[in-house]
Amino acid sequence: MLSHHLQGALNDLRDLIQITESDISDIQEAKNDQQFERLSIKEEKLKSFENKKAMIDHAISTLMSAQPDKDLPQLLNAEQHAALDELKVELSNLRDVNKRYAKFVLTVSNLYNTFLERLVPTEMQGYNKVASRDSAILEVRV
């Protein structure tokens, strides 16, 4: 059962990496609609991974409780060790892909915020930004 959960978690991680790679391609081409369409799939895969991880933790805990005199490496077979190693690698890959995606998201967000600030100047009132009273939505310069 542990091997089954490990393989399922690996598949979920690989799917998340693939979806995030697609998001990176689409954000570079300003294809926002496709990113939003994949958002529910991404959330579903993330929940699935979290559930499988919980099942993996439970299975390992059960193994260790059944044989408390043995260490974890002695309780797992070679296939399970390999799957855990792959899981670590894929988690690292997902972290790296998410970092790259976050850089693009931050850049695009800053761009839109800059455009908005130029169109509708704001000023701080306490902790809130509000439209400046002196500003006009459109200013024509000749």
Protein backbone atom coordinates (compact mmCIF):
# COMPACT_ATOMS: atom_id res chain seq x y z
CA MET A 1 0.00 0.00 0.00
CA LEU A 2 2.87 2.37 0.79
CA SER A 3 4.33 1.82 -2.68
CA HIS A 4 0.96 2.66 -4.26
CA HIS A 5 0.71 5.93 -2.32
CA LEU A 6 4.30 6.83 -3.18
CA GLN A 7 3.67 6.31 -6.90
CA GLY A 8 0.45 8.33 -6.71
CA ALA A 9 2.25 11.19 -4.96
CA LEU A 10 5.01 11.12 -7.57
CA ASN A 11 2.45 11.29 -10.36
CA ASP A 12 0.72 14.24 -8.69
CA LEU A 13 4.03 16.08 -8.29
CA ARG A 14 4.96 15.49 -11.92
CA ASP A 15 1.54 16.77 -13.01
CA LEU A 16 1.96 19.88 -10.85
CA ILE A 17 5.37 20.52 -12.39
CA GLN A 18 3.96 20.11 -15.90
CA ILE A 19 1.03 22.45 -15.15
CA THR A 20 3.37 25.07 -13.69
CA GLU A 21 5.65 24.81 -16.73
CA SER A 22 2.58 25.45 -18.90
CA ASP A 23 1.73 28.44 -16.71
CA ILE A 24 5.24 29.82 -17.27
CA SER A 25 4.88 29.45 -21.04
CA ASP A 26 1.47 31.11 -21.00
CA ILE A 27 2.49 34.02 -18.77
CA GLN A 28 5.37 34.75 -21.15
CA GLU A 29 2.86 34.96 -24.01
CA ALA A 30 0.21 36.81 -21.93
CA LYS A 31 -2.29 33.94 -22.21
CA ASN A 32 -4.04 34.54 -18.92
CA ASP A 33 -7.22 32.62 -19.72
CA GLN A 34 -5.40 29.28 -19.98
CA GLN A 35 -3.72 29.87 -16.62
CA PHE A 36 -7.04 30.57 -14.93
CA GLU A 37 -8.60 27.49 -16.56
CA ARG A 38 -5.83 25.29 -15.12
CA LEU A 39 -6.13 26.78 -11.64
CA SER A 40 -8.84 24.34 -10.50
CA ILE A 41 -6.88 21.39 -11.88
CA LYS A 42 -3.77 22.61 -10.08
CA GLU A 43 -5.67 22.97 -6.78
CA GLU A 44 -7.14 19.49 -7.22
CA LYS A 45 -3.70 17.97 -7.84
CA LEU A 46 -2.30 19.78 -4.81
CA LYS A 47 -5.08 18.42 -2.56
CA SER A 48 -4.55 14.95 -4.02
CA PHE A 49 -0.82 15.16 -3.27
CA GLU A 50 -1.47 16.33 0.29
CA ASN A 51 -3.88 13.42 0.86
CA LYS A 52 -1.39 10.90 -0.51
CA LYS A 53 1.37 12.39 1.61
CA ALA A 54 -0.83 11.97 4.69
CA MET A 55 -1.44 8.33 3.69
CA ILE A 56 2.31 7.81 3.23
CA ASP A 57 2.97 9.26 6.68
CA HIS A 58 0.28 7.02 8.17
CA ALA A 59 1.63 3.91 6.41
CA ILE A 60 5.18 4.62 7.61
CA SER A 61 3.93 5.27 11.13
CA THR A 62 2.03 1.97 11.08
CA LEU A 63 5.12 0.12 9.89
CA MET A 64 7.26 1.63 12.62
CA SER A 65 4.64 0.91 15.29
CA ALA A 66 4.35 -2.72 14.19
CA GLN A 67 8.12 -3.22 14.40
CA PRO A 68 9.53 -0.68 16.87
CA ASP A 69 12.85 -2.48 17.18
CA LYS A 70 13.77 -1.75 13.53
CA ASP A 71 14.84 1.51 11.92
CA LEU A 72 12.88 2.90 8.97
CA PRO A 73 15.50 1.94 6.34
CA GLN A 74 15.16 -1.68 7.44
CA LEU A 75 11.35 -1.58 7.12
CA LEU A 76 11.25 -0.37 3.52
CA ASN A 77 12.09 -2.38 0.43
CA ALA A 78 14.34 -1.17 -2.41
CA GLU A 79 11.38 0.02 -4.51
CA GLN A 80 10.05 2.13 -1.63
CA HIS A 81 13.51 3.63 -0.97
CA ALA A 82 13.81 4.52 -4.66
CA ALA A 83 10.32 6.07 -4.66
CA LEU A 84 11.15 8.18 -1.59
CA ASP A 85 14.35 9.36 -3.28
CA GLU A 86 12.37 10.26 -6.42
CA LEU A 87 9.84 12.07 -4.25
CA LYS A 88 12.61 14.24 -2.81
CA VAL A 89 13.93 15.02 -6.30
CA GLU A 90 10.46 15.90 -7.65
CA LEU A 91 9.70 18.10 -4.63
CA SER A 92 12.94 19.97 -5.31
CA ASN A 93 11.99 20.28 -9.01
CA LEU A 94 8.56 21.63 -8.06
CA ARG A 95 10.16 24.18 -5.74
CA ASP A 96 12.47 25.36 -8.53
CA VAL A 97 9.66 25.62 -11.08
CA ASN A 98 7.49 27.51 -8.59
CA LYS A 99 10.35 29.96 -7.96
CA ARG A 100 10.63 30.64 -11.69
CA TYR A 101 6.86 31.07 -11.98
CA ALA A 102 6.78 33.39 -8.97
CA LYS A 103 9.37 35.66 -10.61
CA PHE A 104 7.17 36.01 -13.69
CA VAL A 105 4.05 36.62 -11.59
CA LEU A 106 5.83 39.28 -9.56
CA THR A 107 7.12 41.00 -12.70
CA VAL A 108 3.69 41.05 -14.34
CA SER A 109 2.05 42.21 -11.11
CA ASN A 110 4.53 45.09 -10.79
CA LEU A 111 3.90 46.04 -14.41
CA TYR A 112 0.13 46.18 -13.93
CA ASN A 113 0.48 48.07 -10.64
CA THR A 114 2.76 50.60 -12.32
CA PHE A 115 0.26 51.10 -15.15
CA LEU A 116 -2.57 51.51 -12.66
CA GLU A 117 -0.57 53.98 -10.58
CA ARG A 118 0.11 56.06 -13.68
CA LEU A 119 -3.54 56.02 -14.72
CA VAL A 120 -4.99 56.66 -11.26
CA PRO A 121 -2.43 58.22 -8.92
CA THR A 122 -2.91 57.22 -5.30
CA GLU A 123 -1.84 58.50 -1.92
CA MET A 124 -1.62 56.82 1.45
CA GLN A 125 -4.26 57.52 4.07
CA GLY A 126 -3.12 55.54 7.05
CA TYR A 127 -2.56 52.01 5.80
CA ASN A 128 -4.86 52.37 2.79
CA LYS A 129 -4.10 53.61 -0.70
CA VAL A 130 -6.80 55.84 -2.10
CA ALA A 131 -7.13 57.78 -5.33
CA SER A 132 -5.59 61.20 -5.05
CA ARG A 133 -8.17 63.99 -4.83
CA ASP A 134 -6.16 66.09 -7.24
CA SER A 135 -5.95 63.37 -9.85
CA ALA A 136 -8.03 63.04 -12.94
CA ILE A 137 -8.56 59.69 -14.58
CA LEU A 138 -7.31 61.04 -17.87
CA GLU A 139 -4.83 63.82 -18.31
CA VAL A 140 -4.16 65.18 -21.76
CA ARG A 141 -0.79 66.72 -22.46
CA VAL A 142 0.04 68.61 -25.63
